[in-house]
Each structure stands twice: as C-alpha cells, then as structure tokens.
Protein backbone atom coordinates (compact mmCIF):
# COMPACT_ATOMS: atom_id res chain seq x y z
CA MET A 1 0.00 0.00 0.00
CA THR A 2 1.42 3.34 -1.05
CA VAL A 3 0.58 6.57 0.53
CA GLU A 4 0.82 9.73 -1.54
CA THR A 5 2.36 12.59 0.27
CA ARG A 6 2.14 16.08 -1.06
CA THR A 7 4.83 18.55 -0.18
CA LYS A 8 4.23 22.25 -0.21
CA PRO A 9 6.93 24.54 -1.54
CA ILE A 10 9.05 25.77 1.27
CA SER A 11 9.76 29.49 1.28
CA THR A 12 13.45 30.02 1.83
CA SER A 13 15.19 33.10 3.16
CA LEU A 14 16.35 33.96 -0.36
CA THR A 15 12.83 34.42 -1.72
CA ALA A 16 10.96 35.56 1.38
CA GLY A 17 10.30 39.24 1.76
CA LYS A 18 10.97 40.18 -1.86
CA LEU A 19 8.99 42.49 -4.14
CA PRO A 20 7.60 40.89 -7.31
CA ARG A 21 9.53 41.57 -10.50
CA TRP A 22 6.71 43.57 -12.00
CA THR A 23 6.73 46.07 -9.14
CA THR A 24 9.54 48.22 -10.51
CA PRO A 25 8.26 48.70 -14.10
CA ALA A 26 4.65 49.02 -12.94
CA LEU A 27 5.46 51.66 -10.33
CA LEU A 28 7.69 53.58 -12.74
CA ALA A 29 5.11 53.55 -15.53
CA GLY A 30 2.34 54.57 -13.15
CA ALA A 31 4.33 57.44 -11.65
CA LEU A 32 5.32 58.78 -15.09
CA VAL A 33 1.77 58.56 -16.49
CA VAL A 34 0.12 60.18 -13.49
CA CYS A 35 2.63 63.03 -13.24
CA THR A 36 2.63 63.82 -16.96
CA VAL A 37 -1.19 63.87 -16.97
CA LEU A 38 -1.31 66.14 -13.91
CA LEU A 39 1.18 68.64 -15.31
CA GLY A 40 -0.18 68.45 -18.86
CA PRO A 41 1.52 67.89 -22.23
CA GLU A 42 2.90 71.43 -22.32
CA ASN A 43 5.16 70.56 -19.36
CA PHE A 44 6.17 67.06 -20.47
CA ALA A 45 9.76 67.34 -19.22
CA GLY A 46 8.59 68.48 -15.80
CA GLY A 47 6.16 65.56 -15.64
CA ILE A 48 8.95 63.09 -16.40
CA ALA A 49 11.18 64.61 -13.71
CA LEU A 50 8.38 64.64 -11.12
CA GLY A 51 7.43 61.08 -12.04
CA ALA A 52 11.01 59.93 -11.51
CA VAL A 53 11.05 61.51 -8.04
CA VAL A 54 7.70 59.94 -7.14
CA TYR A 55 8.91 56.55 -8.36
CA LEU A 56 12.11 56.83 -6.31
CA ILE A 57 10.19 57.65 -3.15
CA GLY A 58 7.66 54.90 -3.81
CA ILE A 59 10.12 52.10 -4.60
CA VAL A 60 12.33 52.93 -1.61
CA THR A 61 9.32 53.03 0.71
CA LEU A 62 7.88 49.73 -0.55
CA SER A 63 11.26 48.05 -0.47
CA GLY A 64 11.88 49.24 3.07
CA ILE A 65 8.55 47.81 4.23
CA VAL A 66 8.79 44.47 2.42
CA GLU A 67 12.50 43.79 1.92
CA GLY A 68 14.19 45.70 4.68
CA ARG A 69 16.43 48.70 5.03
CA ARG A 70 19.49 47.19 3.31
CA LYS A 71 17.62 46.27 0.11
CA ALA A 72 15.85 49.63 0.10
CA THR A 73 19.21 51.42 0.22
CA ASP A 74 20.43 49.24 -2.65
CA ARG A 75 17.39 50.11 -4.76
CA PHE A 76 17.84 53.81 -3.92
CA VAL A 77 21.47 53.89 -5.06
CA THR A 78 20.69 51.78 -8.16
CA SER A 79 17.92 54.19 -9.14
CA LEU A 80 20.26 57.18 -8.75
CA VAL A 81 22.91 55.51 -10.94
CA VAL A 82 20.38 54.67 -13.66
CA ALA A 83 18.97 58.21 -13.51
CA ALA A 84 22.47 59.69 -13.87
CA PHE A 85 23.11 57.46 -16.89
CA LEU A 86 19.85 58.50 -18.55
CA ILE A 87 20.53 62.20 -17.90
CA ALA A 88 24.00 61.84 -19.42
CA THR A 89 22.59 60.21 -22.56
CA ILE A 90 19.94 62.89 -23.16
CA PRO A 91 22.36 65.44 -24.72
CA LEU A 92 24.05 62.71 -26.78
CA VAL A 93 20.77 61.42 -28.17
CA SER A 94 19.48 64.94 -28.76
CA VAL A 95 22.59 66.08 -30.65
CA SER A 96 22.74 62.86 -32.70
CA TRP A 97 19.07 63.05 -33.66
CA THR A 98 19.29 66.75 -34.55
CA ALA A 99 22.39 66.24 -36.69
CA LEU A 100 20.82 63.26 -38.46
CA SER A 101 17.47 64.89 -39.13
CA LEU A 102 18.92 68.20 -40.35
CA GLY A 103 22.06 66.87 -42.03
CA LEU A 104 20.71 63.97 -44.07
CA PRO A 105 18.95 66.14 -46.73
CA ARG A 106 22.33 67.38 -48.07
CA LEU A 107 24.28 64.16 -47.53
CA ASP A 108 24.64 63.53 -51.26
CA VAL A 109 27.40 62.86 -53.77
CA ALA A 110 27.89 66.57 -54.50
CA PHE A 111 28.70 67.27 -50.87
CA PHE A 112 31.69 64.92 -51.06
CA THR A 113 32.85 65.83 -54.58
CA GLN A 114 32.51 69.63 -54.80
CA SER A 115 33.98 72.60 -52.98
CA MET A 116 32.41 76.00 -52.32
CA ALA A 117 34.46 77.80 -54.99
CA GLY A 118 32.12 80.18 -56.84
CA ILE A 119 29.00 78.76 -55.14
CA ILE A 120 26.28 81.18 -54.08
CA GLY A 121 23.00 79.75 -52.83
CA GLU A 122 22.17 76.11 -53.52
CA GLY A 123 24.73 73.45 -54.37
CA GLY A 124 28.36 73.13 -53.48
CA GLY A 125 29.99 70.75 -51.05
CA ALA A 126 32.67 70.28 -48.42
CA LEU A 127 35.35 68.38 -50.33
CA HIS A 128 37.91 71.11 -49.60
CA ALA A 129 37.07 70.97 -45.89
CA ILE A 130 37.22 67.16 -45.72
CA VAL A 131 40.59 67.11 -47.48
CA GLY A 132 41.88 69.90 -45.24
CA THR A 133 40.73 68.06 -42.12
CA LEU A 134 42.49 64.86 -43.17
CA LEU A 135 45.74 66.61 -44.17
CA ILE A 136 46.02 68.81 -41.09
CA THR A 137 45.10 65.98 -38.72
CA LEU A 138 47.58 63.65 -40.41
CA ALA A 139 50.35 66.25 -40.11
CA ALA A 140 49.49 66.84 -36.44
CA THR A 141 49.62 63.10 -35.82
CA LEU A 142 53.03 62.78 -37.48
CA ILE A 143 54.32 65.56 -35.23
CA SER A 144 52.68 64.43 -32.00
CA VAL A 145 53.06 60.65 -31.95
CA PRO A 146 56.88 60.43 -32.08
CA ILE A 147 57.31 63.22 -29.53
CA GLY A 148 54.61 61.90 -27.20
CA LEU A 149 55.68 58.26 -27.44
CA MET A 150 59.37 58.96 -26.85
CA THR A 151 58.51 61.25 -23.94
CA SER A 152 56.44 58.53 -22.31
CA ILE A 153 59.25 55.99 -22.84
CA TYR A 154 61.67 58.37 -21.14
CA LEU A 155 59.35 58.93 -18.19
CA VAL A 156 58.72 55.20 -17.65
CA GLU A 157 62.06 53.64 -18.52
CA TYR A 158 64.70 56.31 -17.90
CA GLY A 159 63.21 59.30 -16.12
CA ARG A 160 64.32 59.86 -12.54
CA GLY A 161 64.79 62.96 -10.42
CA PRO A 162 63.85 66.61 -10.98
CA LEU A 163 63.82 66.49 -14.80
CA ALA A 164 61.22 63.70 -14.92
CA ARG A 165 59.08 65.48 -12.33
CA ALA A 166 59.30 68.72 -14.30
CA ILE A 167 58.27 66.98 -17.54
CA THR A 168 55.34 65.32 -15.79
CA PHE A 169 54.26 68.67 -14.35
CA PHE A 170 54.37 70.44 -17.72
CA VAL A 171 52.51 67.58 -19.41
CA ASP A 172 49.76 67.93 -16.80
CA VAL A 173 49.64 71.68 -17.42
CA MET A 174 49.45 71.18 -21.20
CA THR A 175 46.58 68.74 -20.76
CA GLY A 176 44.41 71.48 -19.29
CA ILE A 177 45.29 74.48 -21.47
CA PRO A 178 42.45 75.98 -23.54
CA SER A 179 42.64 75.19 -27.24
CA ILE A 180 42.69 78.88 -28.13
CA VAL A 181 46.03 79.20 -26.29
CA ALA A 182 47.52 76.51 -28.55
CA GLY A 183 46.25 78.45 -31.55
CA LEU A 184 47.80 81.69 -30.28
CA PHE A 185 51.10 79.90 -29.71
CA ALA A 186 51.23 78.48 -33.24
CA TYR A 187 50.08 81.79 -34.77
CA SER A 188 52.76 83.72 -32.88
CA LEU A 189 55.45 81.21 -33.80
CA PHE A 190 54.73 81.28 -37.53
CA SER A 191 54.16 85.05 -37.52
CA MET A 192 57.67 85.57 -36.13
CA VAL A 193 59.14 83.37 -38.87
CA PHE A 194 56.99 84.22 -41.92
CA GLY A 195 55.51 87.57 -40.99
CA SER A 196 52.34 88.80 -39.36
CA GLY A 197 49.07 87.30 -40.54
CA HIS A 198 50.60 84.07 -41.83
CA ARG A 199 48.06 81.25 -42.13
CA SER A 200 48.66 77.76 -43.48
CA GLY A 201 47.76 74.15 -42.93
CA ILE A 202 51.05 73.32 -41.22
CA SER A 203 50.47 76.13 -38.74
CA GLY A 204 47.13 74.55 -37.83
CA ALA A 205 48.81 71.14 -37.55
CA VAL A 206 51.34 72.56 -35.05
CA ALA A 207 48.48 74.03 -33.00
CA LEU A 208 46.69 70.68 -32.92
CA SER A 209 49.91 68.86 -32.05
CA VAL A 210 50.23 71.02 -28.92
CA LEU A 211 46.86 69.64 -27.84
CA MET A 212 47.64 66.06 -28.90
CA ILE A 213 51.07 65.60 -27.32
CA PRO A 214 49.94 65.54 -23.65
CA VAL A 215 47.13 63.09 -24.48
CA VAL A 216 49.56 60.76 -26.27
CA VAL A 217 52.10 61.06 -23.45
CA ARG A 218 49.58 60.26 -20.73
CA SER A 219 47.92 57.33 -22.51
CA SER A 220 51.23 55.81 -23.63
CA GLU A 221 52.76 56.27 -20.18
CA GLU A 222 49.95 54.36 -18.52
CA MET A 223 50.18 51.54 -21.05
CA LEU A 224 53.95 51.22 -20.61
CA ARG A 225 53.64 51.14 -16.82
CA ILE A 226 51.30 48.15 -16.83
CA VAL A 227 53.81 45.99 -18.72
CA PRO A 228 55.02 43.44 -16.11
CA ASN A 229 58.56 44.05 -14.88
CA GLU A 230 59.16 40.30 -15.12
CA LEU A 231 59.24 40.62 -18.91
CA ARG A 232 61.91 43.30 -18.73
CA GLU A 233 63.96 41.33 -16.20
CA ALA A 234 63.78 38.17 -18.30
CA SER A 235 65.07 40.12 -21.30
CA TYR A 236 67.90 41.66 -19.27
CA ALA A 237 68.82 38.22 -17.94
CA LEU A 238 69.35 37.04 -21.51
CA GLY A 239 71.81 39.87 -22.09
CA VAL A 240 69.50 42.03 -24.22
CA PRO A 241 70.33 45.75 -23.91
CA LYS A 242 67.72 48.10 -22.51
CA TRP A 243 66.89 49.90 -25.75
CA LEU A 244 66.31 46.61 -27.54
CA THR A 245 64.18 45.36 -24.64
CA ILE A 246 61.99 48.43 -25.04
CA VAL A 247 61.68 47.94 -28.80
CA LYS A 248 61.20 44.16 -28.82
CA VAL A 249 59.42 43.48 -25.54
CA VAL A 250 57.84 46.55 -23.92
CA LEU A 251 56.37 48.26 -26.99
CA PRO A 252 54.89 45.11 -28.60
CA THR A 253 53.25 44.20 -25.28
CA SER A 254 51.62 47.61 -24.87
CA ILE A 255 50.99 48.43 -28.54
CA ALA A 256 47.22 47.85 -28.31
CA GLY A 257 46.75 50.46 -25.59
CA ILE A 258 49.18 52.87 -27.22
CA MET A 259 47.38 52.71 -30.57
CA THR A 260 44.02 53.17 -28.87
CA GLY A 261 45.32 56.26 -27.07
CA ILE A 262 46.68 57.70 -30.32
CA VAL A 263 43.40 57.22 -32.17
CA LEU A 264 41.44 58.76 -29.30
CA ALA A 265 43.86 61.71 -29.27
CA ILE A 266 43.15 62.21 -32.98
CA ALA A 267 39.42 62.09 -32.31
CA ARG A 268 39.89 64.67 -29.55
CA VAL A 269 41.52 67.30 -31.81
CA ILE A 270 39.79 66.65 -35.12
CA GLY A 271 36.82 68.77 -34.06
CA GLU A 272 38.80 71.80 -32.83
CA THR A 273 37.74 75.14 -34.27
CA ALA A 274 39.32 78.00 -32.30
CA PRO A 275 43.02 77.21 -32.90
CA LEU A 276 42.43 76.58 -36.62
CA LEU A 277 40.50 79.80 -36.98
CA LEU A 278 43.68 81.64 -35.99
CA THR A 279 46.23 79.45 -37.78
CA ALA A 280 44.70 77.80 -40.86
CA GLY A 281 41.99 80.29 -41.72
CA TYR A 282 39.18 79.67 -44.20
CA ILE A 283 39.12 79.33 -47.98
CA ALA A 284 36.39 78.15 -50.33
CA ASN A 285 38.81 76.58 -52.81
CA MET A 286 40.75 73.33 -52.75
CA ASN A 287 44.24 73.49 -51.27
CA TYR A 288 46.42 70.39 -51.06
CA ASN A 289 49.57 72.21 -49.93
CA LEU A 290 50.02 72.35 -46.15
CA PHE A 291 52.82 74.89 -46.47
CA ASP A 292 51.20 77.45 -48.75
CA GLY A 293 47.99 79.37 -48.19
CA ARG A 294 44.90 78.96 -46.08
CA MET A 295 43.29 75.57 -45.61
CA THR A 296 39.75 74.81 -44.47
CA THR A 297 38.70 72.07 -42.05
CA LEU A 298 35.25 70.67 -41.34
CA PRO A 299 34.77 72.49 -38.00
CA LEU A 300 35.66 75.79 -39.67
CA PHE A 301 33.41 74.94 -42.62
CA VAL A 302 30.48 74.38 -40.24
CA PHE A 303 31.23 77.57 -38.28
CA THR A 304 31.69 79.80 -41.33
CA THR A 305 28.71 78.39 -43.21
CA TYR A 306 26.39 78.84 -40.25
CA LYS A 307 27.70 82.37 -39.66
CA ASN A 308 27.10 83.29 -43.30
CA SER A 309 23.57 81.92 -43.15
CA GLY A 310 22.53 84.49 -40.56
CA GLY A 311 20.28 81.81 -39.12
CA THR A 312 17.83 82.09 -42.02
CA ASP A 313 19.53 80.93 -45.25
CA VAL A 314 18.27 77.38 -45.77
CA ALA A 315 21.05 76.33 -48.17
CA ASP A 316 23.82 77.41 -45.79
CA LEU A 317 22.07 75.84 -42.80
CA ASP A 318 21.72 72.54 -44.63
CA ARG A 319 25.41 72.57 -45.53
CA ALA A 320 26.38 73.41 -41.94
CA TRP A 321 24.33 70.58 -40.45
CA THR A 322 25.61 68.11 -43.04
CA GLY A 323 29.18 69.13 -42.24
CA ALA A 324 28.48 68.56 -38.53
CA LEU A 325 27.01 65.14 -39.33
CA VAL A 326 30.06 64.15 -41.39
CA LEU A 327 32.34 65.26 -38.55
CA ILE A 328 30.36 63.16 -36.06
CA LEU A 329 30.60 60.15 -38.38
CA ILE A 330 34.38 60.61 -38.70
CA VAL A 331 34.78 60.72 -34.90
CA LEU A 332 32.55 57.67 -34.58
CA ALA A 333 34.66 55.82 -37.16
CA LEU A 334 37.85 56.74 -35.28
CA ASN A 335 36.45 55.34 -32.03
CA LEU A 336 35.46 52.11 -33.78
CA ILE A 337 38.94 51.88 -35.29
CA ALA A 338 40.44 52.32 -31.82
CA ARG A 339 38.38 49.40 -30.51
CA LEU A 340 39.33 47.20 -33.45
CA ILE A 341 43.01 48.04 -33.02
CA ALA A 342 42.84 47.24 -29.32
CA ARG A 343 41.19 43.92 -30.04
CA TYR A 344 43.60 43.01 -32.84
CA PHE A 345 46.80 43.88 -31.01
CA ALA A 346 45.70 42.65 -27.60
CA PRO A 347 47.86 39.78 -26.24
CA LYS A 348 46.41 36.44 -27.30
CA LYS A 349 46.04 33.52 -24.93
CA PRO A 350 47.91 30.34 -25.88
CA GLY A 351 45.93 28.16 -28.28
CA ARG A 352 43.83 31.03 -29.67
C-alpha cells in the first residue's frame, strides 16, 4: 500500500520578503503617467522629472517595508545611478538626432565631390574641408606621436629625479590648457618666422599637435607602466640591452593600448575650431599644400557656413548641419577603429 504525500513549496530566506519583478516597471510607468497627466503635455519634461522623483520615493518606501532597510538602500542607489546614466545620454541622443534629421537632406554625392568655390546659394559641397581636415590631422599626428611616445618611454624607462618630475608637471599643465592658447602659440610662432598674418595648414597642424602631445604622453605612459617588470627582467637576464628590450618586448606588449590612445587623441583634436580659426583660416577653394595658403577644415566649414547663413539661409544651414554630421561620423569611425586596433593587437592567450 502506497501513501501519496504532497509537499508544499518551502519558502526560503532567499525568496521571502521580496517584491515581485513587475513592481519596478509598474510603479515607474504609473508614476510617469500620473505626473505627466497632472502637469499636462505642455510641461512634459517636468512631468517626467516629477514622475522619476515619485517613483524613487515609492520604490524605496515599498522596499523598506517588504524587503528591509538594506535592500531599500540598494534600490535607492541603483535608481540614482540609472537616472544619472539617462541624464547623461539625453544630450548625446538629442545632438545625434538633430544632426541626423537636419544633415541627411544634403548628404549627397555633390557634398563629397565639390567645394564652395564660386558657389552662391544652392549646391556646393565640403570636399575642400574634408581634405583639409584629413591633411592637417595627419600632419598633427606625425608631429605628436613620435614626440609623445618617446617622452612617455623616457618617463617610464629612464626618467628619474627633478627632470622627470618637471616633464610630468608640464605635461599635466598642457593637458588642461584651452585650445585657443595653442592656436595663439602656433600663430605667434609662424608670424615671427613668416611675418604677421601668416596662415597655413602646417600652422594649424602645429596648433593641434600642442593639444595632442599631452594626451599621447599620458595614454602611452599608462600603457607602458602596466607591462610586467618580469618581462623586462627576463630580457635583461638574456643579455638584451635596454633599448632593444623596449623595442622588442615593452612596446609590442603595450601596442594595443598605445594605438588606442593615439586614435582617441586624434578624435579629440579633429573637431577643434578655435586654434584653426587663428592658424589655418578659411578658404572656399581646394588646397592640397600644407605649407602654402589657407586651408579649411570641417569644424571651420560648419562655423563659417552657419555664420554666413545668418540663421535664415536654408542652403547654408543645410550645408552646416551636413558638415556637422560628417564630422560626427568621422569621430565615430575613429572610435570604432580604436576598438578594433585594441582587439587586434591585444595579447592572445595560448591556443587562440
């Protein structure tokens, strides 16, 4: 004879005193709907903000009653972190959407194949600005990377005493200088050599390199410092000189981080306007020579085109927004390249 016994689910301490999963979304949705209705559609942003506050008070109160003080504190801090993240993304989403919606109408073939030479009203493009941006940024990179990389190698591998501390101090100072100061420095330097009012692409490249060098130094220095000392000591034990150890061991180990820092430094300066306004100037024609004449970049193209529009000329406004969109896409591409470089050059585990 068998006797059936039914067992009831036992509530453990892990599941007891816990709010249902639907509580959080339901309370959030309810608070947002009620507050936006009370304040009306004309004050939608205020309704969202008030709803978030009401939700925070409600979820903390319910959690404190059901789950206890510790879980309520956890939910409070989690809600603050999520709110901070959402607030930080609002400007990014707003700028991206505005640039896309206003820049797409002129994102055509002519924009990438024509300059503004002789163009009044409709038509024209930003080929001269795109070429100028690429040439000036490339020249600034060629100036900054060797100087910044060798400076970081000196600070990590050789630098000791007052000189190293002085270099570190000045690098920190250069990191925080306004971009207009870099432009004034380059303008003054080239004006002393070539005469007052000199403007050229190489002058703009020097101004950008002043902004790039401290970024390259700092990023490369941090990457070189995280290379294990055991690798250096093993190389020294084999009789390899220090300079060859740096070239063959230290740099290949840290190359992924160094390349990522370089690409991010390029992305940081490619959108600068103030220093190039002083050093490179603006021209509506094509100019492939960095050492002769003014040269336009995309930030200057956007600034000048919008200024000429007076806020009312539709053709100029369309060109300005399209230039801003292209600049955003270039920066986005540089960040993606940095991630791909970091993944490609990252040290591989054995067997992979």
